[in-house]
Amino acid sequence: MNNILPGALTLLEEARAYPYTAQERQIVESTRSRAIVGGPEEVAARLKELAAQTGADELMINTLMPDPVARRRSYSLVMEAMRG
């Protein structure tokens, strides 16, 4: 039995050491295929492409990191890149 709750944010070291089951690895790979990852400019460009492809006039992003200060900073960086 694992001690990581579904949806809980963990430290990078814990995530790397976690003994994933085959089903969990499949879920991770499926999620990664839909994720937009990168620096602010790359993320902004891909978000703009996604909005254009889907006709969306609004997007929501979710940065998964346990440090709330770093998470807010990542949102600020992407927001600045989206405006730029």
N, C-alpha and C. Protein backbone atom coordinates (compact mmCIF):
# COMPACT_ATOMS: atom_id res chain seq x y z
N MET A 1 0.85 -1.18 0.00
CA MET A 1 0.00 0.00 0.00
C MET A 1 0.89 1.24 0.00
N ASN A 2 0.57 2.22 -0.85
CA ASN A 2 1.39 3.42 -0.91
C ASN A 2 0.90 4.45 0.10
N ASN A 3 1.76 5.41 0.39
CA ASN A 3 1.38 6.46 1.34
C ASN A 3 1.16 7.79 0.63
N ILE A 4 1.05 7.78 -0.69
CA ILE A 4 0.79 8.99 -1.44
C ILE A 4 -0.68 8.99 -1.83
N LEU A 5 -1.39 10.00 -1.37
CA LEU A 5 -2.81 10.09 -1.66
C LEU A 5 -3.02 10.56 -3.09
N PRO A 6 -4.05 10.06 -3.76
CA PRO A 6 -4.34 10.54 -5.12
C PRO A 6 -4.56 12.05 -5.10
N GLY A 7 -3.90 12.74 -6.03
CA GLY A 7 -4.04 14.19 -6.11
C GLY A 7 -3.13 14.97 -5.19
N ALA A 8 -2.43 14.29 -4.28
CA ALA A 8 -1.54 14.98 -3.36
C ALA A 8 -0.25 15.37 -4.09
N LEU A 9 0.27 16.54 -3.76
CA LEU A 9 1.54 16.96 -4.34
C LEU A 9 2.66 16.44 -3.45
N THR A 10 3.65 15.84 -4.07
CA THR A 10 4.76 15.27 -3.32
C THR A 10 6.06 15.94 -3.71
N LEU A 11 7.06 15.72 -2.90
CA LEU A 11 8.38 16.20 -3.24
C LEU A 11 8.91 15.41 -4.41
N LEU A 12 9.76 16.02 -5.21
CA LEU A 12 10.31 15.36 -6.38
C LEU A 12 11.00 14.05 -6.02
N GLU A 13 11.73 14.05 -4.92
CA GLU A 13 12.44 12.84 -4.50
C GLU A 13 11.46 11.71 -4.19
N GLU A 14 10.34 12.06 -3.55
CA GLU A 14 9.33 11.04 -3.25
C GLU A 14 8.70 10.49 -4.52
N ALA A 15 8.42 11.39 -5.46
CA ALA A 15 7.81 10.96 -6.72
C ALA A 15 8.74 10.03 -7.49
N ARG A 16 10.04 10.37 -7.51
CA ARG A 16 11.00 9.53 -8.23
C ARG A 16 11.16 8.16 -7.58
N ALA A 17 11.03 8.08 -6.26
CA ALA A 17 11.22 6.82 -5.53
C ALA A 17 9.94 5.98 -5.45
N TYR A 18 8.83 6.54 -5.86
CA TYR A 18 7.55 5.84 -5.74
C TYR A 18 7.52 4.58 -6.60
N PRO A 19 7.09 3.46 -6.04
CA PRO A 19 7.03 2.19 -6.81
C PRO A 19 5.73 2.09 -7.61
N TYR A 20 5.70 2.72 -8.77
CA TYR A 20 4.49 2.74 -9.59
C TYR A 20 4.09 1.34 -10.05
N THR A 21 2.78 1.08 -10.04
CA THR A 21 2.25 -0.14 -10.63
C THR A 21 2.17 0.07 -12.14
N ALA A 22 1.95 -0.99 -12.87
CA ALA A 22 1.82 -0.88 -14.33
C ALA A 22 0.66 0.05 -14.69
N GLN A 23 -0.44 -0.07 -13.98
CA GLN A 23 -1.61 0.78 -14.26
C GLN A 23 -1.28 2.26 -13.97
N GLU A 24 -0.59 2.53 -12.88
CA GLU A 24 -0.21 3.90 -12.56
C GLU A 24 0.74 4.47 -13.61
N ARG A 25 1.67 3.66 -14.08
CA ARG A 25 2.59 4.13 -15.13
C ARG A 25 1.83 4.47 -16.41
N GLN A 26 0.83 3.69 -16.73
CA GLN A 26 0.01 3.95 -17.91
C GLN A 26 -0.74 5.28 -17.75
N ILE A 27 -1.25 5.54 -16.57
CA ILE A 27 -1.95 6.81 -16.29
C ILE A 27 -0.98 7.98 -16.42
N VAL A 28 0.22 7.82 -15.87
CA VAL A 28 1.24 8.88 -15.95
C VAL A 28 1.58 9.18 -17.41
N GLU A 29 1.81 8.16 -18.20
CA GLU A 29 2.16 8.36 -19.61
C GLU A 29 1.02 9.02 -20.37
N SER A 30 -0.21 8.63 -20.08
CA SER A 30 -1.36 9.24 -20.73
C SER A 30 -1.46 10.72 -20.37
N THR A 31 -1.24 11.03 -19.13
CA THR A 31 -1.29 12.42 -18.67
C THR A 31 -0.16 13.23 -19.28
N ARG A 32 1.03 12.67 -19.34
CA ARG A 32 2.17 13.38 -19.92
C ARG A 32 1.94 13.73 -21.38
N SER A 33 1.23 12.88 -22.10
CA SER A 33 1.01 13.14 -23.52
C SER A 33 0.14 14.37 -23.73
N ARG A 34 -0.62 14.76 -22.72
CA ARG A 34 -1.49 15.94 -22.82
C ARG A 34 -0.91 17.15 -22.11
N ALA A 35 0.20 16.99 -21.43
CA ALA A 35 0.80 18.07 -20.65
C ALA A 35 1.57 19.04 -21.53
N ILE A 36 1.57 20.28 -21.12
CA ILE A 36 2.41 21.30 -21.76
C ILE A 36 3.48 21.66 -20.75
N VAL A 37 4.71 21.37 -21.10
CA VAL A 37 5.83 21.54 -20.17
C VAL A 37 6.92 22.35 -20.84
N GLY A 38 7.52 23.27 -20.10
CA GLY A 38 8.63 24.03 -20.64
C GLY A 38 8.76 25.38 -19.95
N GLY A 39 9.60 26.21 -20.53
CA GLY A 39 9.78 27.56 -20.02
C GLY A 39 8.56 28.41 -20.34
N PRO A 40 8.49 29.61 -19.77
CA PRO A 40 7.32 30.46 -19.97
C PRO A 40 6.96 30.73 -21.42
N GLU A 41 7.94 31.02 -22.26
CA GLU A 41 7.66 31.33 -23.65
C GLU A 41 7.14 30.11 -24.41
N GLU A 42 7.75 28.96 -24.15
CA GLU A 42 7.30 27.73 -24.81
C GLU A 42 5.89 27.36 -24.37
N VAL A 43 5.63 27.45 -23.08
CA VAL A 43 4.29 27.14 -22.57
C VAL A 43 3.27 28.11 -23.15
N ALA A 44 3.58 29.39 -23.16
CA ALA A 44 2.66 30.39 -23.72
C ALA A 44 2.36 30.10 -25.19
N ALA A 45 3.39 29.79 -25.96
CA ALA A 45 3.19 29.50 -27.38
C ALA A 45 2.30 28.28 -27.57
N ARG A 46 2.54 27.24 -26.80
CA ARG A 46 1.72 26.03 -26.94
C ARG A 46 0.29 26.26 -26.46
N LEU A 47 0.12 27.09 -25.43
CA LEU A 47 -1.24 27.41 -24.97
C LEU A 47 -1.98 28.21 -26.02
N LYS A 48 -1.30 29.13 -26.67
CA LYS A 48 -1.93 29.91 -27.75
C LYS A 48 -2.31 29.00 -28.90
N GLU A 49 -1.45 28.04 -29.24
CA GLU A 49 -1.77 27.07 -30.30
C GLU A 49 -2.99 26.25 -29.91
N LEU A 50 -3.03 25.79 -28.66
CA LEU A 50 -4.16 24.99 -28.18
C LEU A 50 -5.45 25.78 -28.26
N ALA A 51 -5.42 27.04 -27.84
CA ALA A 51 -6.62 27.89 -27.90
C ALA A 51 -7.07 28.08 -29.35
N ALA A 52 -6.12 28.29 -30.25
CA ALA A 52 -6.47 28.46 -31.66
C ALA A 52 -7.07 27.19 -32.24
N GLN A 53 -6.48 26.04 -31.91
CA GLN A 53 -6.97 24.76 -32.44
C GLN A 53 -8.36 24.42 -31.93
N THR A 54 -8.65 24.79 -30.70
CA THR A 54 -9.92 24.41 -30.09
C THR A 54 -10.98 25.49 -30.14
N GLY A 55 -10.56 26.72 -30.49
CA GLY A 55 -11.50 27.83 -30.48
C GLY A 55 -11.81 28.34 -29.08
N ALA A 56 -11.00 27.96 -28.12
CA ALA A 56 -11.22 28.38 -26.73
C ALA A 56 -10.90 29.86 -26.56
N ASP A 57 -11.71 30.55 -25.78
CA ASP A 57 -11.41 31.94 -25.47
C ASP A 57 -10.92 32.08 -24.03
N GLU A 58 -10.75 30.95 -23.37
CA GLU A 58 -10.25 30.94 -22.00
C GLU A 58 -9.55 29.61 -21.74
N LEU A 59 -8.43 29.66 -21.04
CA LEU A 59 -7.70 28.45 -20.67
C LEU A 59 -7.43 28.47 -19.18
N MET A 60 -7.39 27.30 -18.59
CA MET A 60 -7.00 27.19 -17.18
C MET A 60 -5.74 26.34 -17.14
N ILE A 61 -4.77 26.77 -16.33
CA ILE A 61 -3.55 25.99 -16.20
C ILE A 61 -3.41 25.55 -14.75
N ASN A 62 -2.69 24.46 -14.58
CA ASN A 62 -2.44 23.92 -13.25
C ASN A 62 -0.99 23.50 -13.18
N THR A 63 -0.22 24.21 -12.40
CA THR A 63 1.18 23.89 -12.21
C THR A 63 1.29 22.98 -10.99
N LEU A 64 1.79 21.78 -11.20
CA LEU A 64 1.88 20.81 -10.12
C LEU A 64 3.25 20.87 -9.46
N MET A 65 3.33 21.62 -8.39
CA MET A 65 4.55 21.66 -7.61
C MET A 65 4.15 21.93 -6.16
N PRO A 66 4.82 21.28 -5.22
CA PRO A 66 4.40 21.40 -3.82
C PRO A 66 4.68 22.76 -3.19
N ASP A 67 5.63 23.53 -3.69
CA ASP A 67 5.98 24.82 -3.11
C ASP A 67 5.02 25.88 -3.63
N PRO A 68 4.15 26.43 -2.78
CA PRO A 68 3.16 27.40 -3.26
C PRO A 68 3.78 28.69 -3.80
N VAL A 69 4.91 29.11 -3.28
CA VAL A 69 5.57 30.31 -3.78
C VAL A 69 6.08 30.07 -5.20
N ALA A 70 6.72 28.94 -5.42
CA ALA A 70 7.21 28.59 -6.76
C ALA A 70 6.05 28.41 -7.73
N ARG A 71 4.96 27.84 -7.25
CA ARG A 71 3.79 27.64 -8.11
C ARG A 71 3.21 28.99 -8.56
N ARG A 72 3.06 29.92 -7.62
CA ARG A 72 2.55 31.25 -7.98
C ARG A 72 3.51 31.95 -8.95
N ARG A 73 4.81 31.78 -8.74
CA ARG A 73 5.81 32.39 -9.63
C ARG A 73 5.67 31.82 -11.04
N SER A 74 5.43 30.52 -11.15
CA SER A 74 5.28 29.92 -12.48
C SER A 74 4.06 30.48 -13.18
N TYR A 75 2.97 30.70 -12.44
CA TYR A 75 1.77 31.30 -13.05
C TYR A 75 2.08 32.71 -13.53
N SER A 76 2.83 33.48 -12.74
CA SER A 76 3.18 34.84 -13.12
C SER A 76 4.03 34.85 -14.39
N LEU A 77 4.99 33.93 -14.46
CA LEU A 77 5.86 33.88 -15.64
C LEU A 77 5.08 33.54 -16.90
N VAL A 78 4.17 32.60 -16.80
CA VAL A 78 3.36 32.23 -17.97
C VAL A 78 2.44 33.38 -18.34
N MET A 79 1.84 34.04 -17.35
CA MET A 79 0.97 35.18 -17.62
C MET A 79 1.73 36.27 -18.37
N GLU A 80 2.94 36.58 -17.90
CA GLU A 80 3.75 37.60 -18.58
C GLU A 80 4.07 37.18 -20.01
N ALA A 81 4.40 35.92 -20.21
CA ALA A 81 4.71 35.43 -21.56
C ALA A 81 3.48 35.44 -22.45
N MET A 82 2.31 35.16 -21.90
CA MET A 82 1.08 35.18 -22.70
C MET A 82 0.77 36.61 -23.15
N ARG A 83 1.07 37.58 -22.33
CA ARG A 83 0.82 38.98 -22.69
C ARG A 83 1.83 39.49 -23.70
N GLY A 84 3.07 38.95 -23.61
CA GLY A 84 4.17 39.45 -24.43
C GLY A 84 4.01 39.16 -25.85
